[in-house]
Protein backbone atom coordinates (compact mmCIF):
# COMPACT_ATOMS: atom_id res chain seq x y z
CA UNK A 1 88.45 129.77 79.10
CA UNK A 2 89.08 128.14 82.35
CA UNK A 3 89.59 130.07 85.23
CA UNK A 4 93.41 130.29 86.92
CA UNK A 5 93.95 127.91 89.79
CA UNK A 6 94.42 129.86 93.14
CA UNK A 7 96.91 128.68 95.54
CA UNK A 8 96.82 130.15 98.77
CA UNK A 9 99.88 130.81 101.11
CA UNK A 10 99.67 131.41 104.98
CA UNK A 11 101.91 134.71 104.90
CA UNK A 12 102.60 136.00 108.37
CA UNK A 13 105.49 138.58 106.87
CA UNK A 14 108.27 136.57 108.74
CA UNK A 15 111.40 135.69 106.95
CA UNK A 16 110.36 132.10 106.25
CA UNK A 17 106.78 133.00 104.99
CA UNK A 18 107.82 135.96 102.97
CA UNK A 19 110.54 133.61 101.53
CA UNK A 20 108.20 131.04 100.49
CA UNK A 21 105.68 133.39 99.09
CA UNK A 22 108.69 135.29 97.04
CA UNK A 23 109.42 131.46 95.56
CA UNK A 24 105.43 130.81 94.93
CA UNK A 25 105.25 133.96 92.86
CA UNK A 26 108.36 133.49 90.64
CA UNK A 27 107.04 129.62 90.15
CA UNK A 28 103.32 131.27 89.09
CA UNK A 29 104.88 133.17 86.43
CA UNK A 30 105.17 129.72 84.18
CA UNK A 31 102.41 127.70 85.97
CA UNK A 32 100.02 130.37 85.40
CA UNK A 33 98.46 130.03 88.79
CA UNK A 34 97.34 133.11 90.95
CA UNK A 35 98.80 133.29 94.35
CA UNK A 36 96.54 134.56 97.24
CA UNK A 37 98.45 135.59 100.78
CA UNK A 38 96.68 135.05 103.51
CA UNK A 39 97.56 137.10 106.95
CA UNK A 40 96.01 136.39 110.21
CA UNK A 41 95.94 139.50 112.92
CA UNK A 42 96.13 137.62 116.12
CA UNK A 43 96.08 140.94 117.96
CA UNK A 44 98.66 139.55 120.75
CA UNK A 45 101.32 141.94 119.53
CA UNK A 46 101.35 146.20 119.97
CA UNK A 47 102.99 145.62 116.47
CA UNK A 48 100.11 143.37 114.70
CA UNK A 49 98.54 146.09 112.93
CA UNK A 50 102.07 147.40 111.51
CA UNK A 51 102.80 143.57 110.28
CA UNK A 52 99.60 143.45 108.78
CA UNK A 53 100.23 146.77 106.90
CA UNK A 54 103.50 145.58 105.97
CA UNK A 55 101.83 142.53 104.35
CA UNK A 56 99.22 144.46 102.19
CA UNK A 57 102.08 146.62 101.26
CA UNK A 58 104.35 144.04 100.12
CA UNK A 59 101.96 142.30 98.38
CA UNK A 60 100.79 145.43 96.33
CA UNK A 61 104.44 146.12 95.51
CA UNK A 62 104.73 142.80 94.05
CA UNK A 63 101.26 143.00 92.15
CA UNK A 64 102.35 146.54 90.69
CA UNK A 65 105.48 144.47 89.24
CA UNK A 66 103.09 142.30 87.48
CA UNK A 67 103.30 139.16 89.63
CA UNK A 68 99.85 137.29 90.38
CA UNK A 69 99.41 137.96 93.99
CA UNK A 70 96.12 139.12 96.07
CA UNK A 71 96.25 139.88 99.82
CA UNK A 72 93.79 138.60 102.42
CA UNK A 73 93.77 139.27 106.36
CA UNK A 74 91.68 138.39 109.05
CA UNK A 75 91.70 139.87 112.41
CA UNK A 76 91.09 137.41 115.39
CA UNK A 77 87.70 138.39 117.28
CA UNK A 78 88.27 135.70 120.05
CA UNK A 79 90.65 135.40 122.72
CA UNK A 80 92.24 132.61 124.97
CA UNK A 81 90.13 131.72 127.66
CA UNK A 82 91.30 130.93 131.34
CA UNK A 83 93.56 128.07 131.57
CA UNK A 84 94.00 127.99 127.81
CA UNK A 85 97.67 127.73 126.38
CA UNK A 86 97.88 130.78 124.19
CA UNK A 87 100.18 128.76 121.66
CA UNK A 88 97.43 126.13 121.30
CA UNK A 89 94.57 128.88 120.92
CA UNK A 90 96.41 130.92 118.53
CA UNK A 91 97.28 127.85 116.31
CA UNK A 92 93.92 126.66 116.39
CA UNK A 93 92.18 130.07 115.49
CA UNK A 94 95.05 130.83 112.77
CA UNK A 95 94.29 127.67 111.08
CA UNK A 96 90.24 128.15 111.27
CA UNK A 97 90.81 131.51 109.95
CA UNK A 98 93.16 130.63 106.98
CA UNK A 99 90.63 128.09 106.01
CA UNK A 100 87.83 130.17 105.61
CA UNK A 101 89.91 132.79 103.83
CA UNK A 102 91.21 130.04 101.36
CA UNK A 103 87.73 128.93 100.75
CA UNK A 104 86.56 132.56 100.01
CA UNK A 105 89.01 133.08 97.75
CA UNK A 106 88.37 129.53 95.74
CA UNK A 107 91.80 128.18 96.80
CA UNK A 108 92.05 124.27 96.98
CA UNK A 109 95.82 124.18 98.25
CA UNK A 110 97.00 126.22 101.31
CA UNK A 111 101.43 126.59 101.50
CA UNK A 112 102.67 126.76 104.69
CA UNK A 113 106.20 127.83 105.15
CA UNK A 114 107.63 125.32 107.88
CA UNK A 115 111.02 123.79 107.09
CA UNK A 116 113.52 121.08 108.50
CA UNK A 117 114.35 123.23 111.91
CA UNK A 118 110.69 123.65 112.52
CA UNK A 119 110.10 120.00 112.26
CA UNK A 120 113.14 118.92 114.52
CA UNK A 121 111.73 121.30 116.97
CA UNK A 122 108.22 119.97 116.99
CA UNK A 123 109.55 116.43 117.63
CA UNK A 124 111.81 117.72 120.68
CA UNK A 125 108.28 119.52 122.19
CA UNK A 126 106.17 116.36 121.42
CA UNK A 127 108.79 113.97 123.22
CA UNK A 128 108.99 116.37 125.98
CA UNK A 129 105.11 116.19 126.57
CA UNK A 130 105.27 112.40 126.75
CA UNK A 131 103.70 112.11 123.08
CA UNK A 132 102.89 108.97 121.34
CA UNK A 133 104.02 107.96 117.84
CA UNK A 134 101.17 110.41 116.15
CA UNK A 135 102.98 113.18 118.23
CA UNK A 136 106.62 112.39 117.56
CA UNK A 137 105.51 112.16 113.71
CA UNK A 138 105.41 115.90 113.98
CA UNK A 139 104.03 117.65 110.87
CA UNK A 140 103.00 116.26 107.52
CA UNK A 141 104.46 117.56 104.44
CA UNK A 142 100.89 117.20 102.98
CA UNK A 143 97.41 116.68 104.43
CA UNK A 144 93.77 116.88 103.56
CA UNK A 145 91.38 118.49 105.92
CA UNK A 146 88.06 119.73 105.03
CA UNK A 147 88.31 119.65 101.36
CA UNK A 148 91.58 121.92 101.46
CA UNK A 149 94.99 120.36 100.98
CA UNK A 150 97.63 121.92 103.15
CA UNK A 151 101.33 121.58 102.10
CA UNK A 152 104.90 122.14 103.23
CA UNK A 153 106.74 122.05 100.48
CA UNK A 154 109.95 123.26 102.28
CA UNK A 155 109.60 120.45 105.07
CA UNK A 156 112.89 119.01 104.06
CA UNK A 157 114.76 122.52 103.53
CA UNK A 158 117.33 123.31 106.18
CA UNK A 159 116.89 126.75 107.81
CA UNK A 160 120.29 127.79 106.25
CA UNK A 161 118.98 127.45 103.00
CA UNK A 162 116.08 129.61 103.61
CA UNK A 163 118.17 132.40 105.14
CA UNK A 164 120.44 132.04 102.24
CA UNK A 165 117.54 132.66 99.89
CA UNK A 166 116.31 135.98 101.48
CA UNK A 167 119.75 137.25 101.64
CA UNK A 168 119.98 136.44 97.80
CA UNK A 169 116.99 138.00 96.45
CA UNK A 170 116.71 140.85 99.48
CA UNK A 171 113.51 139.74 100.61
CA UNK A 172 112.06 142.20 103.02
CA UNK A 173 110.35 141.18 106.21
CA UNK A 174 109.45 141.53 109.73
CA UNK A 175 110.82 140.38 113.19
CA UNK A 176 108.22 139.13 115.45
CA UNK A 177 109.25 140.30 119.12
CA UNK A 178 107.45 137.32 120.60
CA UNK A 179 109.94 134.85 119.11
CA UNK A 180 112.10 135.72 122.06
CA UNK A 181 109.36 135.41 124.43
CA UNK A 182 110.40 132.31 126.98
CA UNK A 183 106.82 132.25 128.38
CA UNK A 184 106.70 129.97 125.20
CA UNK A 185 107.65 126.58 125.10
CA UNK A 186 109.17 126.72 121.65
CA UNK A 187 111.12 129.82 122.30
CA UNK A 188 112.52 128.39 125.35
CA UNK A 189 113.67 125.51 123.14
CA UNK A 190 115.16 127.89 120.80
CA UNK A 191 117.02 130.26 122.85
CA UNK A 192 118.28 127.65 125.36
CA UNK A 193 118.49 124.28 124.33
CA UNK A 194 119.01 124.28 120.56
CA UNK A 195 122.27 126.22 120.73
CA UNK A 196 123.95 123.61 123.07
CA UNK A 197 122.12 120.84 121.27
CA UNK A 198 123.54 121.74 117.74
CA UNK A 199 127.16 122.42 119.39
CA UNK A 200 127.16 118.82 121.08
CA UNK A 201 125.51 117.28 117.84
CA UNK A 202 126.06 119.24 114.63
CA UNK A 203 123.61 117.14 112.85
CA UNK A 204 121.10 117.44 115.42
CA UNK A 205 118.50 118.97 112.76
CA UNK A 206 118.36 116.65 110.23
CA UNK A 207 118.71 113.62 112.44
CA UNK A 208 115.67 114.82 114.38
CA UNK A 209 113.71 115.41 111.08
CA UNK A 210 114.38 112.10 109.93
CA UNK A 211 113.17 110.43 113.03
CA UNK A 212 109.78 112.49 112.51
CA UNK A 213 109.68 110.78 109.24
CA UNK A 214 110.10 107.52 110.48
CA UNK A 215 107.19 108.03 113.06
CA UNK A 216 105.10 109.32 110.39
CA UNK A 217 105.52 106.06 108.50
CA UNK A 218 104.89 104.05 111.58
CA UNK A 219 101.67 106.01 112.34
CA UNK A 220 100.77 105.55 108.71
CA UNK A 221 101.02 101.75 109.28
CA UNK A 222 98.96 102.10 112.62
CA UNK A 223 96.24 104.09 110.87
CA UNK A 224 95.92 101.59 108.15
CA UNK A 225 95.76 98.80 111.12
CA UNK A 226 93.12 100.58 112.82
CA UNK A 227 91.01 100.95 109.58
CA UNK A 228 90.89 97.46 108.97
CA UNK A 229 90.13 96.42 112.54
CA UNK A 230 87.43 98.90 112.98
CA UNK A 231 85.79 98.35 109.66
CA UNK A 232 84.12 94.97 110.71
CA UNK A 233 83.50 96.41 114.64
CA UNK A 234 81.27 99.76 113.57
CA UNK A 235 77.51 99.67 112.78
CA UNK A 236 74.78 102.16 112.91
CA UNK A 237 74.56 101.90 116.45
CA UNK A 238 78.07 102.63 117.08
CA UNK A 239 81.46 100.66 118.12
CA UNK A 240 80.89 97.01 119.13
CA UNK A 241 82.43 96.50 122.46
CA UNK A 242 82.65 92.67 122.05
CA UNK A 243 84.56 93.01 118.65
CA UNK A 244 87.02 95.70 120.37
CA UNK A 245 87.92 92.99 122.84
CA UNK A 246 88.58 90.37 120.15
CA UNK A 247 91.83 92.32 119.36
CA UNK A 248 95.14 92.14 121.44
CA UNK A 249 95.58 94.54 123.52
CA UNK A 250 98.05 96.64 121.61
CA UNK A 251 95.68 96.63 118.77
CA UNK A 252 92.72 97.26 120.73
CA UNK A 253 94.08 100.47 122.06
CA UNK A 254 95.11 101.49 118.64
CA UNK A 255 91.92 100.87 117.06
CA UNK A 256 90.18 102.69 120.07
CA UNK A 257 92.82 105.71 119.78
CA UNK A 258 91.51 105.87 116.04
CA UNK A 259 88.13 105.60 116.68
CA UNK A 260 87.89 108.63 119.40
CA UNK A 261 90.00 110.76 116.98
CA UNK A 262 87.34 109.95 114.13
CA UNK A 263 84.58 111.03 116.60
CA UNK A 264 86.08 114.10 118.28
CA UNK A 265 88.54 115.52 115.92
CA UNK A 266 91.48 115.30 118.41
CA UNK A 267 93.53 112.80 120.12
CA UNK A 268 91.79 111.14 123.15
CA UNK A 269 93.95 111.55 126.51
CA UNK A 270 95.97 108.61 127.75
CA UNK A 271 94.14 108.65 131.09
CA UNK A 272 90.62 107.94 129.16
CA UNK A 273 92.29 105.51 127.13
CA UNK A 274 93.56 103.83 130.18
CA UNK A 275 90.07 104.17 132.00
CA UNK A 276 88.12 102.68 129.17
CA UNK A 277 90.46 99.83 128.85
CA UNK A 278 89.57 99.02 132.82
CA UNK A 279 85.87 99.58 132.68
CA UNK A 280 84.27 99.11 128.81
CA UNK A 281 83.61 95.23 129.49
CA UNK A 282 81.52 95.68 132.60
CA UNK A 283 77.64 95.08 131.83
CA UNK A 284 75.00 97.54 132.06
CA UNK A 285 74.88 101.24 130.86
CA UNK A 286 77.71 103.79 131.85
CA UNK A 287 79.47 107.05 130.54
CA UNK A 288 82.45 108.77 130.24
CA UNK A 289 83.35 112.69 129.77
CA UNK A 290 85.52 113.68 126.79
CA UNK A 291 86.22 116.90 125.08
CA UNK A 292 82.94 118.56 123.86
CA UNK A 293 80.92 115.23 124.24
CA UNK A 294 80.26 112.37 126.27
CA UNK A 295 80.97 108.47 125.76
CA UNK A 296 78.15 106.23 126.45
CA UNK A 297 77.95 102.48 126.68
CA UNK A 298 74.63 100.81 125.97
CA UNK A 299 73.42 97.26 124.61
CA UNK A 300 77.22 96.43 124.00
CA UNK A 301 78.04 99.58 121.73
CA UNK A 302 80.41 102.49 122.25
CA UNK A 303 78.66 105.76 121.14
CA UNK A 304 79.69 109.72 121.19
CA UNK A 305 77.04 112.16 122.34
CA UNK A 306 77.92 115.65 121.66
CA UNK A 307 77.29 118.19 124.58
CA UNK A 308 74.42 120.93 124.00
CA UNK A 309 75.06 123.06 121.04
CA UNK A 310 74.63 126.68 120.51
CA UNK A 311 72.03 127.82 117.78
CA UNK A 312 73.38 127.85 114.20
CA UNK A 313 73.90 131.36 113.12
CA UNK A 314 71.44 132.39 110.92
CA UNK A 315 73.96 133.69 108.06
CA UNK A 316 74.91 129.87 107.21
CA UNK A 317 72.61 128.48 104.26
CA UNK A 318 72.55 124.85 104.01
CA UNK A 319 74.66 123.35 101.16
CA UNK A 320 72.72 121.34 98.76
CA UNK A 321 75.70 120.00 96.95
CA UNK A 322 79.04 118.30 97.32
CA UNK A 323 81.86 116.42 95.73
CA UNK A 324 83.90 113.87 97.59
CA UNK A 325 87.08 112.78 95.69
CA UNK A 326 89.21 111.62 98.88
CA UNK A 327 89.11 110.42 102.29
CA UNK A 328 88.93 113.30 104.73
CA UNK A 329 86.59 115.70 106.93
CA UNK A 330 84.25 117.90 105.43
CA UNK A 331 82.89 120.76 107.26
CA UNK A 332 79.17 121.81 106.42
CA UNK A 333 78.32 124.86 108.38
CA UNK A 334 74.63 125.18 106.85
CA UNK A 335 74.02 121.86 108.30
CA UNK A 336 76.03 122.34 111.66
CA UNK A 337 78.47 119.51 111.53
CA UNK A 338 81.39 117.60 109.81
CA UNK A 339 81.10 114.74 107.37
CA UNK A 340 83.93 112.15 107.74
CA UNK A 341 84.84 110.09 104.75
CA UNK A 342 86.90 107.03 105.79
CA UNK A 343 88.64 104.39 103.43
CA UNK A 344 87.20 100.70 104.20
CA UNK A 345 88.59 97.58 102.19
CA UNK A 346 84.75 96.46 102.13
CA UNK A 347 81.31 97.16 102.96
CA UNK A 348 81.22 100.82 101.73
CA UNK A 349 80.21 102.90 99.29
CA UNK A 350 82.41 103.26 95.92
CA UNK A 351 84.36 106.66 95.95
CA UNK A 352 83.32 107.05 92.54
CA UNK A 353 79.86 107.36 93.38
CA UNK A 354 80.85 110.37 95.55
CA UNK A 355 81.68 112.81 92.72
CA UNK A 356 78.80 114.84 92.65
CA UNK A 357 76.16 114.68 95.57
CA UNK A 358 72.83 116.02 96.58
CA UNK A 359 72.42 117.12 100.15
CA UNK A 360 68.77 117.29 101.62
CA UNK A 361 66.38 117.32 104.34
CA UNK A 362 64.04 114.57 105.36
CA UNK A 363 60.72 114.93 103.51
CA UNK A 364 58.94 111.82 104.08
CA UNK A 365 58.95 108.70 102.16
CA UNK A 366 62.49 107.89 102.01
CA UNK A 367 63.18 104.19 101.77
CA UNK A 368 66.37 102.84 103.37
CA UNK A 369 67.75 99.31 103.14
CA UNK A 370 69.93 98.79 106.14
CA UNK A 371 71.77 95.23 105.09
CA UNK A 372 72.17 92.99 101.98
CA UNK A 373 69.31 90.77 101.50
CA UNK A 374 66.93 92.81 103.90
CA UNK A 375 63.76 94.95 102.45
CA UNK A 376 64.03 98.45 102.09
CA UNK A 377 62.04 100.44 104.68
CA UNK A 378 61.01 103.69 105.84
CA UNK A 379 63.59 106.12 107.72
CA UNK A 380 60.92 106.23 110.65
CA UNK A 381 60.60 102.55 111.05
CA UNK A 382 64.42 102.46 110.53
CA UNK A 383 65.22 104.94 113.18
CA UNK A 384 62.75 103.04 115.51
CA UNK A 385 64.29 99.66 114.79
CA UNK A 386 67.66 101.03 115.60
CA UNK A 387 66.36 102.56 118.92
CA UNK A 388 68.55 105.96 117.61
CA UNK A 389 67.84 109.18 119.78
CA UNK A 390 66.90 112.03 118.12
CA UNK A 391 70.58 114.02 117.98
CA UNK A 392 71.57 110.93 116.06
CA UNK A 393 69.20 111.49 113.28
CA UNK A 394 70.28 115.21 112.54
CA UNK A 395 72.28 115.89 109.43
CA UNK A 396 71.75 115.87 105.76
CA UNK A 397 70.45 112.97 103.54
CA UNK A 398 72.93 112.27 100.97
CA UNK A 399 71.95 111.28 97.37
CA UNK A 400 73.97 110.18 94.28
CA UNK A 401 72.32 110.01 90.97
CA UNK A 402 68.75 110.21 92.71
CA UNK A 403 69.59 107.00 94.89
CA UNK A 404 69.64 107.64 98.78
CA UNK A 405 73.36 106.81 99.98
CA UNK A 406 73.95 107.95 103.22
CA UNK A 407 71.56 108.46 106.37
CA UNK A 408 72.94 109.88 109.55
CA UNK A 409 72.77 107.42 112.36
CA UNK A 410 72.08 104.57 110.03
CA UNK A 411 74.88 104.67 107.89
CA UNK A 412 75.28 103.48 104.07
CA UNK A 413 72.34 102.04 102.47
CA UNK A 414 72.96 98.68 101.30
CA UNK A 415 71.69 99.00 97.61
CA UNK A 416 75.08 101.26 96.95
CA UNK A 417 77.70 99.03 98.74
CA UNK A 418 80.57 98.20 96.70
CA UNK A 419 81.90 95.14 94.91
CA UNK A 420 85.51 93.61 95.90
CA UNK A 421 88.70 95.33 93.99
CA UNK A 422 86.73 99.19 94.25
CA UNK A 423 87.83 101.77 96.07
CA UNK A 424 85.52 102.11 98.87
CA UNK A 425 84.54 104.49 101.65
CA UNK A 426 82.16 104.72 104.64
CA UNK A 427 80.75 108.18 105.90
CA UNK A 428 80.01 109.17 109.60
CA UNK A 429 78.26 112.37 110.39
CA UNK A 430 79.21 114.42 113.49
CA UNK A 431 77.39 117.60 114.65
CA UNK A 432 79.39 120.21 115.37
CA UNK A 433 80.84 120.97 119.02
CA UNK A 434 79.76 124.19 120.74
């Protein structure tokens, strides 16, 4: 008999996540899903332990009533570094902990309880930080990262509807005392700005949330444009600078932003984009610092060199298999990096080839074909011909059905390049940052 589908849900114990957990459990009675409630104890409040016990007790009570729920929790062991934003640190560490717990419990989907007011607040905060289109797009309703689908099913729901649901079902929840702490930007917005804004503009919440939706659509168009522009300007040696400057200034900036985001996993600062626009076309070698890495200009290519990395924990065993069914980022802890899968219109491997992959280390004798019509040669010779430094050669060799598909630093083997009309992707290997 097939195992039940597992759906994970981020459960802080607050009103919104408690309501979403209750609604999900009601739905699971007929869908046959099992729900795992994931709680992250940040350790920032004196009440953090009480909230964790409350969440555990609530899940135990619902399970005793016959509802298919399990409870899992994780206590953060790190602390913000000097100069870190506590909000940014907590968000980053929370999502990392949620992902780890979801994978451990066999979930492929994680539900988040953000609603329409949260979206409207996010757009305002991003605008006040001078964010671009990507920032103004706010939070996506659904996105896939590292093999997990993150969903916000209530993103179009008004806050008032969730409050009514909580009252109707008499759902117990906790009140986070930090929600009134005006050291945090979102709380200042909620306490000082939002009441006046809503009094002056009664439809502020739906209007701002709708603006975020328009920005999301605009960003999707920019991403598609960047993918097409980059497809013919990236090779095994990096991003071709001459190809980048064939584009109009606006498209060049858009493509460069997208490429840097792919390389680092985070948006590049505007100051770096501006500097690159002024300095990239000069001759000779050069370098520019960026988060956790250094950009290098060498032989007409732009490449990213990660900073020195700490040794991998010995607890990680190297993954030997992988299933890829869509574009996204897949963290391979045992190999110490992230495999990025990006859709391209041509020149990639058919997505259908990636449904069942083998991950192997170099053992000697492997043959790689660097281009159509070119002979297959040993990896050693291919690396030498490409003049690749050692750090660019690390990572897994990827096979499908015994055929070599991808080599870090060299790219897709020409023997698996797809035909016109097939859904195609390219792969990129990025060593983990320290």
